Amino acid sequence: MYDMKLSVFSGKWGNYMEHKGKPYFPIFVDLSDKKVVVAGAGTIAKRRIRVLTDFTDHLVVIAPEVNPELKELEAEGKITILRKTFEREDIADAAFVIAATNSNQTNHEIYVACKCFGIPVNVCNDKARCDFYFPVVASAGDVVAGVSSSGRARRKSREAADQIQRMLEETEQ
């Protein structure tokens, strides 16, 4: 059996997904041995963390306080939690970073640090400061699909990903 990866982007290309007049390119990256940092432990951060645990063994969460769900993931060895506020040094060797704190100031500091280090960053509350968008993911077996609506219609992306997930599960049987 071969490894198959699928990327699905839906919706109209608009200003959110343009850079120099061209849309972002859907790409899949092997993160298995790469350090991925998520700054924050709130609702959006947890959603990103849940997805990322399937793709990397080096997921680092930076947050002064975490909830029981993240503590459980830490106990299972799926994430490392740095219980502290963000410092530039925390991301120096990261492959990419997600800034999902509840502080616009901290998210901005993370963005600036990532730019200085040359690290791709996604600032969850600021589309203009995203080098990449985080898709809704559907997967089964060796097939992975990422769905995006150019940052405009998360519900539509979720519905499309759910349909793809059902299709993938049917083909696995």
C-alpha atoms as a PDB file:
ATOM      1  CA  MET A   1       0.000   0.000   0.000  1.00  0.00           C
ATOM      2  CA  TYR A   2       1.276   3.470  -0.788  1.00  0.00           C
ATOM      3  CA  ASP A   3       1.101   6.643   1.248  1.00  0.00           C
ATOM      4  CA  MET A   4      -1.454   9.049  -0.233  1.00  0.00           C
ATOM      5  CA  LYS A   5      -1.957  12.635   0.848  1.00  0.00           C
ATOM      6  CA  LEU A   6      -4.790  14.882  -0.322  1.00  0.00           C
ATOM      7  CA  SER A   7      -5.273  18.601   0.049  1.00  0.00           C
ATOM      8  CA  VAL A   8      -8.669  20.174  -0.518  1.00  0.00           C
ATOM      9  CA  PHE A   9      -9.245  23.923  -0.465  1.00  0.00           C
ATOM     10  CA  SER A  10     -12.757  25.247  -0.919  1.00  0.00           C
ATOM     11  CA  GLY A  11     -14.274  28.647  -1.357  1.00  0.00           C
ATOM     12  CA  LYS A  12     -13.301  31.663  -3.407  1.00  0.00           C
ATOM     13  CA  TRP A  13      -9.719  32.869  -3.280  1.00  0.00           C
ATOM     14  CA  GLY A  14      -9.888  36.268  -1.698  1.00  0.00           C
ATOM     15  CA  ASN A  15      -7.689  38.815  -0.029  1.00  0.00           C
ATOM     16  CA  TYR A  16      -7.146  36.544   2.983  1.00  0.00           C
ATOM     17  CA  MET A  17      -5.322  33.899   0.958  1.00  0.00           C
ATOM     18  CA  GLU A  18      -3.406  36.160  -1.399  1.00  0.00           C
ATOM     19  CA  HIS A  19       0.236  37.084  -1.313  1.00  0.00           C
ATOM     20  CA  LYS A  20       1.587  39.133  -4.183  1.00  0.00           C
ATOM     21  CA  GLY A  21      -1.610  38.397  -6.114  1.00  0.00           C
ATOM     22  CA  LYS A  22      -1.411  34.606  -5.795  1.00  0.00           C
ATOM     23  CA  PRO A  23      -3.194  32.188  -3.456  1.00  0.00           C
ATOM     24  CA  TYR A  24      -1.371  30.236  -0.774  1.00  0.00           C
ATOM     25  CA  PHE A  25      -0.177  26.823  -1.926  1.00  0.00           C
ATOM     26  CA  PRO A  26      -1.650  23.810  -0.079  1.00  0.00           C
ATOM     27  CA  ILE A  27       1.327  21.833   1.184  1.00  0.00           C
ATOM     28  CA  PHE A  28       1.871  18.875   3.471  1.00  0.00           C
ATOM     29  CA  VAL A  29       4.934  18.818   5.710  1.00  0.00           C
ATOM     30  CA  ASP A  30       6.485  15.923   7.613  1.00  0.00           C
ATOM     31  CA  LEU A  31       6.408  17.171  11.205  1.00  0.00           C
ATOM     32  CA  SER A  32       7.180  13.854  12.881  1.00  0.00           C
ATOM     33  CA  ASP A  33      10.643  14.954  14.057  1.00  0.00           C
ATOM     34  CA  LYS A  34      10.088  18.698  14.062  1.00  0.00           C
ATOM     35  CA  LYS A  35       9.407  20.929  17.042  1.00  0.00           C
ATOM     36  CA  VAL A  36       6.060  22.682  16.805  1.00  0.00           C
ATOM     37  CA  VAL A  37       5.200  25.344  19.375  1.00  0.00           C
ATOM     38  CA  VAL A  38       1.714  26.429  20.385  1.00  0.00           C
ATOM     39  CA  ALA A  39       1.645  29.491  22.623  1.00  0.00           C
ATOM     40  CA  GLY A  40      -1.585  29.514  24.585  1.00  0.00           C
ATOM     41  CA  ALA A  41      -3.940  26.974  26.101  1.00  0.00           C
ATOM     42  CA  GLY A  42      -7.397  28.368  25.402  1.00  0.00           C
ATOM     43  CA  THR A  43     -10.129  27.075  23.110  1.00  0.00           C
ATOM     44  CA  ILE A  44      -8.396  27.792  19.793  1.00  0.00           C
ATOM     45  CA  ALA A  45      -5.021  26.567  21.057  1.00  0.00           C
ATOM     46  CA  LYS A  46      -6.558  23.310  22.313  1.00  0.00           C
ATOM     47  CA  ARG A  47      -8.219  22.706  18.952  1.00  0.00           C
ATOM     48  CA  ARG A  48      -4.860  23.119  17.200  1.00  0.00           C
ATOM     49  CA  ILE A  49      -3.074  20.961  19.774  1.00  0.00           C
ATOM     50  CA  ARG A  50      -5.568  18.091  19.384  1.00  0.00           C
ATOM     51  CA  VAL A  51      -4.935  17.976  15.633  1.00  0.00           C
ATOM     52  CA  LEU A  52      -1.172  18.398  15.859  1.00  0.00           C
ATOM     53  CA  THR A  53      -0.661  15.483  18.258  1.00  0.00           C
ATOM     54  CA  ASP A  54      -1.316  13.148  15.322  1.00  0.00           C
ATOM     55  CA  PHE A  55       1.484  14.722  13.282  1.00  0.00           C
ATOM     56  CA  THR A  56       4.432  15.460  15.587  1.00  0.00           C
ATOM     57  CA  ASP A  57       6.179  13.882  18.541  1.00  0.00           C
ATOM     58  CA  HIS A  58       7.657  17.243  19.528  1.00  0.00           C
ATOM     59  CA  LEU A  59       4.698  19.471  20.339  1.00  0.00           C
ATOM     60  CA  VAL A  60       5.490  22.146  22.917  1.00  0.00           C
ATOM     61  CA  VAL A  61       2.755  24.190  24.583  1.00  0.00           C
ATOM     62  CA  ILE A  62       3.676  27.434  26.323  1.00  0.00           C
ATOM     63  CA  ALA A  63       1.113  28.655  28.836  1.00  0.00           C
ATOM     64  CA  PRO A  64       1.238  29.761  32.484  1.00  0.00           C
ATOM     65  CA  GLU A  65      -1.872  27.675  33.244  1.00  0.00           C
ATOM     66  CA  VAL A  66      -3.361  24.648  31.507  1.00  0.00           C
ATOM     67  CA  ASN A  67      -6.589  22.707  31.812  1.00  0.00           C
ATOM     68  CA  PRO A  68      -7.034  19.011  32.659  1.00  0.00           C
ATOM     69  CA  GLU A  69      -7.280  17.979  28.977  1.00  0.00           C
ATOM     70  CA  LEU A  70      -3.796  19.339  28.248  1.00  0.00           C
ATOM     71  CA  LYS A  71      -2.430  17.848  31.476  1.00  0.00           C
ATOM     72  CA  GLU A  72      -3.725  14.476  30.293  1.00  0.00           C
ATOM     73  CA  LEU A  73      -2.016  14.858  26.904  1.00  0.00           C
ATOM     74  CA  GLU A  74       1.177  15.717  28.771  1.00  0.00           C
ATOM     75  CA  ALA A  75       0.838  12.628  30.998  1.00  0.00           C
ATOM     76  CA  GLU A  76       0.380  10.506  27.852  1.00  0.00           C
ATOM     77  CA  GLY A  77       3.638  11.931  26.469  1.00  0.00           C
ATOM     78  CA  LYS A  78       1.905  13.607  23.522  1.00  0.00           C
ATOM     79  CA  ILE A  79       2.895  17.178  24.437  1.00  0.00           C
ATOM     80  CA  THR A  80       5.421  19.040  26.542  1.00  0.00           C
ATOM     81  CA  ILE A  81       4.061  21.936  28.561  1.00  0.00           C
ATOM     82  CA  LEU A  82       6.197  24.903  29.558  1.00  0.00           C
ATOM     83  CA  ARG A  83       4.167  26.451  32.367  1.00  0.00           C
ATOM     84  CA  LYS A  84       5.322  30.013  31.894  1.00  0.00           C
ATOM     85  CA  THR A  85       4.831  33.100  29.799  1.00  0.00           C
ATOM     86  CA  PHE A  86       6.360  33.294  26.339  1.00  0.00           C
ATOM     87  CA  GLU A  87      10.022  34.210  25.870  1.00  0.00           C
ATOM     88  CA  ARG A  88      11.770  34.539  22.495  1.00  0.00           C
ATOM     89  CA  GLU A  89      14.164  31.704  23.305  1.00  0.00           C
ATOM     90  CA  ASP A  90      11.218  29.272  23.566  1.00  0.00           C
ATOM     91  CA  ILE A  91      10.782  29.222  19.790  1.00  0.00           C
ATOM     92  CA  ALA A  92      14.364  29.529  18.502  1.00  0.00           C
ATOM     93  CA  ASP A  93      14.482  25.937  17.194  1.00  0.00           C
ATOM     94  CA  ALA A  94      10.819  25.533  16.213  1.00  0.00           C
ATOM     95  CA  ALA A  95       9.752  24.407  12.722  1.00  0.00           C
ATOM     96  CA  PHE A  96       6.644  26.549  13.038  1.00  0.00           C
ATOM     97  CA  VAL A  97       4.669  28.375  15.698  1.00  0.00           C
ATOM     98  CA  ILE A  98       1.022  28.995  16.466  1.00  0.00           C
ATOM     99  CA  ALA A  99       0.330  32.125  18.521  1.00  0.00           C
ATOM    100  CA  ALA A 100      -3.000  31.538  20.247  1.00  0.00           C
ATOM    101  CA  THR A 101      -2.752  33.402  23.534  1.00  0.00           C
ATOM    102  CA  ASN A 102      -5.471  35.672  24.899  1.00  0.00           C
ATOM    103  CA  SER A 103      -3.087  38.637  24.691  1.00  0.00           C
ATOM    104  CA  ASN A 104      -2.754  40.635  21.464  1.00  0.00           C
ATOM    105  CA  GLN A 105       0.525  42.040  22.812  1.00  0.00           C
ATOM    106  CA  THR A 106       1.981  38.557  23.396  1.00  0.00           C
ATOM    107  CA  ASN A 107       0.749  37.309  20.025  1.00  0.00           C
ATOM    108  CA  HIS A 108       2.438  40.315  18.406  1.00  0.00           C
ATOM    109  CA  GLU A 109       5.699  39.583  20.280  1.00  0.00           C
ATOM    110  CA  ILE A 110       5.548  35.975  19.063  1.00  0.00           C
ATOM    111  CA  TYR A 111       4.960  37.168  15.500  1.00  0.00           C
ATOM    112  CA  VAL A 112       7.946  39.539  15.637  1.00  0.00           C
ATOM    113  CA  ALA A 113      10.191  36.848  17.153  1.00  0.00           C
ATOM    114  CA  CYS A 114       9.183  34.343  14.472  1.00  0.00           C
ATOM    115  CA  LYS A 115       9.948  36.876  11.750  1.00  0.00           C
ATOM    116  CA  CYS A 116      13.399  37.497  13.296  1.00  0.00           C
ATOM    117  CA  PHE A 117      14.124  33.756  13.475  1.00  0.00           C
ATOM    118  CA  GLY A 118      12.649  33.010  10.045  1.00  0.00           C
ATOM    119  CA  ILE A 119       9.995  30.697  11.508  1.00  0.00           C
ATOM    120  CA  PRO A 120       6.568  30.390   9.842  1.00  0.00           C
ATOM    121  CA  VAL A 121       3.871  31.610  12.231  1.00  0.00           C
ATOM    122  CA  ASN A 122       0.093  31.557  12.480  1.00  0.00           C
ATOM    123  CA  VAL A 123      -1.389  34.265  14.714  1.00  0.00           C
ATOM    124  CA  CYS A 124      -4.875  32.942  15.414  1.00  0.00           C
ATOM    125  CA  ASN A 125      -6.550  36.291  15.953  1.00  0.00           C
ATOM    126  CA  ASP A 126      -4.845  38.172  13.109  1.00  0.00           C
ATOM    127  CA  LYS A 127      -5.110  36.837   9.529  1.00  0.00           C
ATOM    128  CA  ALA A 128      -2.670  39.470   8.285  1.00  0.00           C
ATOM    129  CA  ARG A 129       0.016  37.901  10.486  1.00  0.00           C
ATOM    130  CA  CYS A 130      -0.328  34.351   9.236  1.00  0.00           C
ATOM    131  CA  ASP A 131       2.329  32.745   7.054  1.00  0.00           C
ATOM    132  CA  PHE A 132      -0.008  29.771   6.761  1.00  0.00           C
ATOM    133  CA  TYR A 133      -3.589  28.887   7.589  1.00  0.00           C
ATOM    134  CA  PHE A 134      -4.489  25.944   9.777  1.00  0.00           C
ATOM    135  CA  PRO A 135      -6.943  23.741   7.848  1.00  0.00           C
ATOM    136  CA  VAL A 136      -9.743  21.563   9.114  1.00  0.00           C
ATOM    137  CA  VAL A 137      -8.277  18.053   8.886  1.00  0.00           C
ATOM    138  CA  ALA A 138      -9.950  14.807   7.847  1.00  0.00           C
ATOM    139  CA  SER A 139      -7.969  11.577   7.877  1.00  0.00           C
ATOM    140  CA  ALA A 140      -8.236   7.828   7.750  1.00  0.00           C
ATOM    141  CA  GLY A 141      -5.389   5.388   7.294  1.00  0.00           C
ATOM    142  CA  ASP A 142      -2.761   6.876   5.001  1.00  0.00           C
ATOM    143  CA  VAL A 143      -5.010   9.616   3.588  1.00  0.00           C
ATOM    144  CA  VAL A 144      -4.989  13.134   5.030  1.00  0.00           C
ATOM    145  CA  ALA A 145      -7.136  15.987   3.693  1.00  0.00           C
ATOM    146  CA  GLY A 146      -6.893  19.618   4.699  1.00  0.00           C
ATOM    147  CA  VAL A 147      -9.858  21.903   4.007  1.00  0.00           C
ATOM    148  CA  SER A 148      -9.812  25.692   4.082  1.00  0.00           C
ATOM    149  CA  SER A 149     -12.301  28.384   3.120  1.00  0.00           C
ATOM    150  CA  SER A 150      -9.671  31.102   2.869  1.00  0.00           C
ATOM    151  CA  GLY A 151     -10.325  32.044   6.473  1.00  0.00           C
ATOM    152  CA  ARG A 152     -13.872  33.165   5.718  1.00  0.00           C
ATOM    153  CA  ALA A 153     -16.298  30.339   6.458  1.00  0.00           C
ATOM    154  CA  ARG A 154     -15.088  27.903   9.097  1.00  0.00           C
ATOM    155  CA  ARG A 155     -18.493  26.205   9.275  1.00  0.00           C
ATOM    156  CA  LYS A 156     -18.400  25.400   5.544  1.00  0.00           C
ATOM    157  CA  SER A 157     -14.865  24.083   5.921  1.00  0.00           C
ATOM    158  CA  ARG A 158     -15.958  21.909   8.836  1.00  0.00           C
ATOM    159  CA  GLU A 159     -18.934  20.553   6.871  1.00  0.00           C
ATOM    160  CA  ALA A 160     -16.737  19.746   3.865  1.00  0.00           C
ATOM    161  CA  ALA A 161     -14.148  18.056   6.096  1.00  0.00           C
ATOM    162  CA  ASP A 162     -16.885  16.021   7.792  1.00  0.00           C
ATOM    163  CA  GLN A 163     -18.102  14.813   4.390  1.00  0.00           C
ATOM    164  CA  ILE A 164     -14.559  13.903   3.384  1.00  0.00           C
ATOM    165  CA  GLN A 165     -14.059  12.122   6.718  1.00  0.00           C
ATOM    166  CA  ARG A 166     -17.162   9.992   6.140  1.00  0.00           C
ATOM    167  CA  MET A 167     -15.974   9.167   2.611  1.00  0.00           C
ATOM    168  CA  LEU A 168     -12.513   8.202   3.875  1.00  0.00           C
ATOM    169  CA  GLU A 169     -13.966   5.984   6.591  1.00  0.00           C
ATOM    170  CA  GLU A 170     -16.173   4.231   4.009  1.00  0.00           C
ATOM    171  CA  THR A 171     -13.188   3.504   1.797  1.00  0.00           C
ATOM    172  CA  GLU A 172     -11.265   2.053   4.771  1.00  0.00           C
ATOM    173  CA  GLN A 173     -13.902  -0.642   5.321  1.00  0.00           C
END
